[in-house]
Amino acid sequence: MDKAKKKMSGVVDLTSSFSNVSSNLCGFMEGMNSHLSSIASAFATTQQHEQVLMAREIEHEVIKIPGLTRIQAMIAARKLASDTSSLSIFYQCPDDEWQKDFVLNLIHPDLPSSFTF
């Protein structure tokens, strides 16, 4: 009988231990979820801030191109900010004339390439 009580006591202790581990694990997971949510929010805020800064920089670069209207520059800046491959090509243009041609083609893709304003 004494052996049976010890065995039963061991089962109760083991069950209690599993219950404690389960409870602690749930608390840990809830805490991690909260921390991960905070981290994701911080990343999103940082990304939004970087996008605003990048858009301003692009706008500043496009406005400097001679011969573009403000409207053309704003449209081009918006398109360049949303398309990294076009932005890369824009920055690889060797001079203002190339950049102007690229921008005009970007905002007026239906016009023939020999068309000039």
C-alpha atoms as a PDB file:
ATOM      1  CA  MET A   1       0.000   0.000   0.000  1.00  0.00           C
ATOM      2  CA  ASP A   2       2.825   2.348   0.830  1.00  0.00           C
ATOM      3  CA  LYS A   3       4.277   1.703  -2.605  1.00  0.00           C
ATOM      4  CA  ALA A   4       0.955   2.543  -4.277  1.00  0.00           C
ATOM      5  CA  LYS A   5       0.717   5.837  -2.371  1.00  0.00           C
ATOM      6  CA  LYS A   6       4.227   6.787  -3.479  1.00  0.00           C
ATOM      7  CA  LYS A   7       3.380   5.909  -7.060  1.00  0.00           C
ATOM      8  CA  MET A   8       0.162   7.942  -6.895  1.00  0.00           C
ATOM      9  CA  SER A   9       2.021  10.820  -5.276  1.00  0.00           C
ATOM     10  CA  GLY A  10       4.574  10.699  -8.101  1.00  0.00           C
ATOM     11  CA  VAL A  11       1.811  10.813 -10.705  1.00  0.00           C
ATOM     12  CA  VAL A  12       0.197  13.775  -8.960  1.00  0.00           C
ATOM     13  CA  ASP A  13       3.565  15.551  -8.762  1.00  0.00           C
ATOM     14  CA  LEU A  14       4.227  14.851 -12.437  1.00  0.00           C
ATOM     15  CA  THR A  15       0.772  16.085 -13.417  1.00  0.00           C
ATOM     16  CA  SER A  16       1.269  19.182 -11.308  1.00  0.00           C
ATOM     17  CA  SER A  17       4.658  19.781 -12.936  1.00  0.00           C
ATOM     18  CA  PHE A  18       3.175  19.465 -16.420  1.00  0.00           C
ATOM     19  CA  SER A  19       0.418  21.862 -15.458  1.00  0.00           C
ATOM     20  CA  ASN A  20       2.956  24.387 -14.146  1.00  0.00           C
ATOM     21  CA  VAL A  21       5.111  24.076 -17.262  1.00  0.00           C
ATOM     22  CA  SER A  22       2.060  24.495 -19.463  1.00  0.00           C
ATOM     23  CA  SER A  23       0.938  27.551 -17.529  1.00  0.00           C
ATOM     24  CA  ASN A  24       4.420  29.082 -17.594  1.00  0.00           C
ATOM     25  CA  LEU A  25       4.783  28.355 -21.301  1.00  0.00           C
ATOM     26  CA  CYS A  26       1.481  30.067 -22.057  1.00  0.00           C
ATOM     27  CA  GLY A  27       2.581  33.118 -20.086  1.00  0.00           C
ATOM     28  CA  PHE A  28       5.924  33.132 -21.875  1.00  0.00           C
ATOM     29  CA  MET A  29       4.250  32.870 -25.282  1.00  0.00           C
ATOM     30  CA  GLU A  30       1.862  35.718 -24.454  1.00  0.00           C
ATOM     31  CA  GLY A  31       4.820  37.853 -23.412  1.00  0.00           C
ATOM     32  CA  MET A  32       6.704  36.996 -26.602  1.00  0.00           C
ATOM     33  CA  ASN A  33       3.647  37.828 -28.682  1.00  0.00           C
ATOM     34  CA  SER A  34       3.469  41.227 -27.023  1.00  0.00           C
ATOM     35  CA  HIS A  35       7.176  41.874 -27.600  1.00  0.00           C
ATOM     36  CA  LEU A  36       7.021  40.746 -31.229  1.00  0.00           C
ATOM     37  CA  SER A  37       4.046  43.007 -31.803  1.00  0.00           C
ATOM     38  CA  SER A  38       6.002  45.956 -30.407  1.00  0.00           C
ATOM     39  CA  ILE A  39       8.993  45.135 -32.594  1.00  0.00           C
ATOM     40  CA  ALA A  40       6.816  44.840 -35.704  1.00  0.00           C
ATOM     41  CA  SER A  41       5.206  48.176 -34.930  1.00  0.00           C
ATOM     42  CA  ALA A  42       8.605  49.824 -34.526  1.00  0.00           C
ATOM     43  CA  PHE A  43       9.792  48.382 -37.835  1.00  0.00           C
ATOM     44  CA  ALA A  44       6.654  49.602 -39.601  1.00  0.00           C
ATOM     45  CA  THR A  45       7.088  53.100 -38.191  1.00  0.00           C
ATOM     46  CA  THR A  46      10.745  53.152 -39.210  1.00  0.00           C
ATOM     47  CA  GLN A  47       9.911  51.942 -42.699  1.00  0.00           C
ATOM     48  CA  GLN A  48       7.255  54.628 -43.127  1.00  0.00           C
ATOM     49  CA  HIS A  49       9.707  57.284 -41.978  1.00  0.00           C
ATOM     50  CA  GLU A  50      12.360  56.027 -44.395  1.00  0.00           C
ATOM     51  CA  GLN A  51       9.850  56.062 -47.255  1.00  0.00           C
ATOM     52  CA  VAL A  52       8.968  59.685 -46.520  1.00  0.00           C
ATOM     53  CA  LEU A  53      12.638  60.647 -46.449  1.00  0.00           C
ATOM     54  CA  MET A  54      13.316  58.762 -49.674  1.00  0.00           C
ATOM     55  CA  ALA A  55      10.336  60.403 -51.395  1.00  0.00           C
ATOM     56  CA  ARG A  56      11.593  63.844 -50.357  1.00  0.00           C
ATOM     57  CA  GLU A  57      15.075  63.071 -51.646  1.00  0.00           C
ATOM     58  CA  ILE A  58      13.709  61.816 -54.959  1.00  0.00           C
ATOM     59  CA  GLU A  59      11.469  64.844 -55.296  1.00  0.00           C
ATOM     60  CA  HIS A  60      14.430  67.127 -54.606  1.00  0.00           C
ATOM     61  CA  GLU A  61      16.492  65.376 -57.306  1.00  0.00           C
ATOM     62  CA  VAL A  62      13.734  65.435 -59.920  1.00  0.00           C
ATOM     63  CA  ILE A  63      12.874  69.095 -59.324  1.00  0.00           C
ATOM     64  CA  LYS A  64      16.492  70.011 -60.154  1.00  0.00           C
ATOM     65  CA  ILE A  65      16.148  68.659 -63.706  1.00  0.00           C
ATOM     66  CA  PRO A  66      15.909  71.621 -66.085  1.00  0.00           C
ATOM     67  CA  GLY A  67      12.916  71.759 -68.379  1.00  0.00           C
ATOM     68  CA  LEU A  68      10.433  69.838 -66.241  1.00  0.00           C
ATOM     69  CA  THR A  69       7.309  71.453 -64.895  1.00  0.00           C
ATOM     70  CA  ARG A  70       6.490  71.113 -61.201  1.00  0.00           C
ATOM     71  CA  ILE A  71       3.625  68.783 -62.076  1.00  0.00           C
ATOM     72  CA  GLN A  72       5.897  66.574 -64.179  1.00  0.00           C
ATOM     73  CA  ALA A  73       8.464  66.512 -61.386  1.00  0.00           C
ATOM     74  CA  MET A  74       5.869  65.558 -58.767  1.00  0.00           C
ATOM     75  CA  ILE A  75       4.372  62.813 -60.932  1.00  0.00           C
ATOM     76  CA  ALA A  76       7.825  61.457 -61.720  1.00  0.00           C
ATOM     77  CA  ALA A  77       8.917  61.565 -58.073  1.00  0.00           C
ATOM     78  CA  ARG A  78       5.809  59.641 -57.017  1.00  0.00           C
ATOM     79  CA  LYS A  79       6.391  57.005 -59.705  1.00  0.00           C
ATOM     80  CA  LEU A  80      10.090  56.702 -58.926  1.00  0.00           C
ATOM     81  CA  ALA A  81       9.423  56.343 -55.201  1.00  0.00           C
ATOM     82  CA  SER A  82       7.095  53.427 -55.857  1.00  0.00           C
ATOM     83  CA  ASP A  83       9.318  51.586 -58.352  1.00  0.00           C
ATOM     84  CA  THR A  84      12.841  50.757 -57.208  1.00  0.00           C
ATOM     85  CA  SER A  85      13.968  49.461 -60.594  1.00  0.00           C
ATOM     86  CA  SER A  86      13.010  52.740 -62.290  1.00  0.00           C
ATOM     87  CA  LEU A  87      14.659  54.652 -59.464  1.00  0.00           C
ATOM     88  CA  SER A  88      17.864  52.712 -59.990  1.00  0.00           C
ATOM     89  CA  ILE A  89      17.831  53.494 -63.709  1.00  0.00           C
ATOM     90  CA  PHE A  90      17.102  57.159 -62.988  1.00  0.00           C
ATOM     91  CA  TYR A  91      20.154  57.460 -60.739  1.00  0.00           C
ATOM     92  CA  GLN A  92      22.321  55.742 -63.354  1.00  0.00           C
ATOM     93  CA  CYS A  93      21.507  58.351 -65.998  1.00  0.00           C
ATOM     94  CA  PRO A  94      24.761  60.172 -66.777  1.00  0.00           C
ATOM     95  CA  ASP A  95      23.391  63.727 -66.893  1.00  0.00           C
ATOM     96  CA  ASP A  96      20.331  65.973 -66.621  1.00  0.00           C
ATOM     97  CA  GLU A  97      19.354  65.462 -70.248  1.00  0.00           C
ATOM     98  CA  TRP A  98      19.239  61.691 -69.832  1.00  0.00           C
ATOM     99  CA  GLN A  99      17.312  62.071 -66.588  1.00  0.00           C
ATOM    100  CA  LYS A 100      14.852  64.418 -68.272  1.00  0.00           C
ATOM    101  CA  ASP A 101      14.303  61.969 -71.145  1.00  0.00           C
ATOM    102  CA  PHE A 102      13.867  59.124 -68.683  1.00  0.00           C
ATOM    103  CA  VAL A 103      11.393  61.086 -66.557  1.00  0.00           C
ATOM    104  CA  LEU A 104       9.365  62.197 -69.558  1.00  0.00           C
ATOM    105  CA  ASN A 105       9.233  58.623 -70.804  1.00  0.00           C
ATOM    106  CA  LEU A 106       8.225  57.494 -67.321  1.00  0.00           C
ATOM    107  CA  ILE A 107       5.327  59.922 -67.039  1.00  0.00           C
ATOM    108  CA  HIS A 108       4.342  59.803 -70.730  1.00  0.00           C
ATOM    109  CA  PRO A 109       5.055  56.212 -71.809  1.00  0.00           C
ATOM    110  CA  ASP A 110       2.633  56.496 -74.735  1.00  0.00           C
ATOM    111  CA  LEU A 111       4.612  59.275 -76.444  1.00  0.00           C
ATOM    112  CA  PRO A 112       7.261  58.402 -79.031  1.00  0.00           C
ATOM    113  CA  SER A 113      10.802  58.553 -77.685  1.00  0.00           C
ATOM    114  CA  SER A 114      11.790  61.294 -80.144  1.00  0.00           C
ATOM    115  CA  PHE A 115       9.071  63.588 -78.773  1.00  0.00           C
ATOM    116  CA  THR A 116      10.465  66.572 -76.882  1.00  0.00           C
ATOM    117  CA  PHE A 117       8.750  69.257 -74.887  1.00  0.00           C
END
